[in-house]
Amino acid sequence: QVQLVESGGGLVQPGGSLRLSCAASGNILMRYAMTWYRQAPGKQREMVAVATSGGSTNYADSVKGRFTISRDNSKNTVYLQMNSLKPEDTAVYYCRMGDYWGKGTLVTVSS
């Protein structure tokens, strides 16, 4: 059984920063890609950023240049550094590894 637990969400003003973490536990193999998704109210879930086990990364166009995904395989953790946040970044952020999903952490960008 694999568990993914996100943390680091909260309320931030436009232009601010947050760092999300996703810690994996259980019978895991960190060879899988780890992906951050988000779902805003009334919208479909969308991919935000992905980090492969080999170190490659990819981002949604809407966050390129503002968000950075990184992973620490020794800690079974993936991070999402979010800078220059905008109100449209408001969403529940989820991490995914293989078929496993976390329960999400809420990010609210508002003045």
Foldseek 3Di string as FASTA:
>chain_A
DKAWAKDWADEAAQQAKIKMKIAMDDPDDQQFKKWKWWDDPPGDIDTAKIAGPVGDMDGDPVQPPFWDWDDDVVRRMIMIIGGRDDQVVFTWMWMDTDPDIHPTDTHGYHD
